[in-house]
Amino acid sequence: MVSNFHMPLSTMLMMVAAFGGYEFVMKAYDVAVKEKYRFGAYGDAMLILK
């Protein structure tokens, strides 16, 4: 699954977590925030391999 980097607490982020696993996605999200990834439709994307 390839998805944009969604806003915190958005339904789109929860959809990604449903496919990728909540804990796995939230850990990746924490790293992305620390690395200052951009949020929103034109920001960075993430690839989830499961």
C-alpha atoms as a PDB file:
ATOM      1  CA  MET A   1       0.000   0.000   0.000  1.00  0.00           C
ATOM      2  CA  VAL A   2       1.293   3.471  -0.876  1.00  0.00           C
ATOM      3  CA  SER A   3      -0.392   6.377   0.835  1.00  0.00           C
ATOM      4  CA  ASN A   4       0.230  10.037   1.537  1.00  0.00           C
ATOM      5  CA  PHE A   5       1.462  11.074   4.960  1.00  0.00           C
ATOM      6  CA  HIS A   6      -1.859  11.898   6.623  1.00  0.00           C
ATOM      7  CA  MET A   7      -2.740  14.419   9.280  1.00  0.00           C
ATOM      8  CA  PRO A   8      -2.746  13.169  12.896  1.00  0.00           C
ATOM      9  CA  LEU A   9      -6.021  11.613  14.064  1.00  0.00           C
ATOM     10  CA  SER A  10      -7.461  11.588  10.532  1.00  0.00           C
ATOM     11  CA  THR A  11      -9.706   8.817   9.265  1.00  0.00           C
ATOM     12  CA  MET A  12      -7.241   8.272   6.414  1.00  0.00           C
ATOM     13  CA  LEU A  13      -4.457   7.563   8.919  1.00  0.00           C
ATOM     14  CA  MET A  14      -6.710   5.026  10.647  1.00  0.00           C
ATOM     15  CA  MET A  15      -7.430   3.368   7.271  1.00  0.00           C
ATOM     16  CA  VAL A  16      -3.676   2.992   6.708  1.00  0.00           C
ATOM     17  CA  ALA A  17      -3.308   1.604  10.240  1.00  0.00           C
ATOM     18  CA  ALA A  18      -6.054  -0.931   9.526  1.00  0.00           C
ATOM     19  CA  PHE A  19      -4.074  -2.267   6.561  1.00  0.00           C
ATOM     20  CA  GLY A  20      -0.568  -1.944   7.996  1.00  0.00           C
ATOM     21  CA  GLY A  21      -1.215  -2.683  11.655  1.00  0.00           C
ATOM     22  CA  TYR A  22      -1.756   0.050  14.224  1.00  0.00           C
ATOM     23  CA  GLU A  23       1.497  -0.339  16.193  1.00  0.00           C
ATOM     24  CA  PHE A  24       3.650  -0.597  13.057  1.00  0.00           C
ATOM     25  CA  VAL A  25       2.087   2.470  11.433  1.00  0.00           C
ATOM     26  CA  MET A  26       2.247   4.561  14.619  1.00  0.00           C
ATOM     27  CA  LYS A  27       5.954   3.739  15.071  1.00  0.00           C
ATOM     28  CA  ALA A  28       6.600   4.780  11.470  1.00  0.00           C
ATOM     29  CA  TYR A  29       4.534   7.917  12.073  1.00  0.00           C
ATOM     30  CA  ASP A  30       6.620   8.824  15.148  1.00  0.00           C
ATOM     31  CA  VAL A  31       9.817   8.506  13.107  1.00  0.00           C
ATOM     32  CA  ALA A  32       8.326  10.615  10.321  1.00  0.00           C
ATOM     33  CA  VAL A  33       7.373  13.381  12.757  1.00  0.00           C
ATOM     34  CA  LYS A  34      10.884  13.374  14.253  1.00  0.00           C
ATOM     35  CA  GLU A  35      12.366  13.584  10.745  1.00  0.00           C
ATOM     36  CA  LYS A  36      10.017  16.504   9.929  1.00  0.00           C
ATOM     37  CA  TYR A  37       8.149  14.852   7.073  1.00  0.00           C
ATOM     38  CA  ARG A  38       5.411  17.025   5.573  1.00  0.00           C
ATOM     39  CA  PHE A  39       1.717  16.355   6.161  1.00  0.00           C
ATOM     40  CA  GLY A  40      -1.132  16.482   3.668  1.00  0.00           C
ATOM     41  CA  ALA A  41      -1.885  15.618   0.077  1.00  0.00           C
ATOM     42  CA  TYR A  42       1.354  17.038  -1.344  1.00  0.00           C
ATOM     43  CA  GLY A  43       3.659  15.789   1.392  1.00  0.00           C
ATOM     44  CA  ASP A  44       5.779  12.683   1.608  1.00  0.00           C
ATOM     45  CA  ALA A  45       4.353   9.235   0.944  1.00  0.00           C
ATOM     46  CA  MET A  46       4.785   6.003   2.836  1.00  0.00           C
ATOM     47  CA  LEU A  47       5.009   2.456   1.535  1.00  0.00           C
ATOM     48  CA  ILE A  48       3.637  -0.304   3.728  1.00  0.00           C
ATOM     49  CA  LEU A  49       4.868  -3.828   2.977  1.00  0.00           C
ATOM     50  CA  LYS A  50       3.104  -6.531   4.876  1.00  0.00           C
END
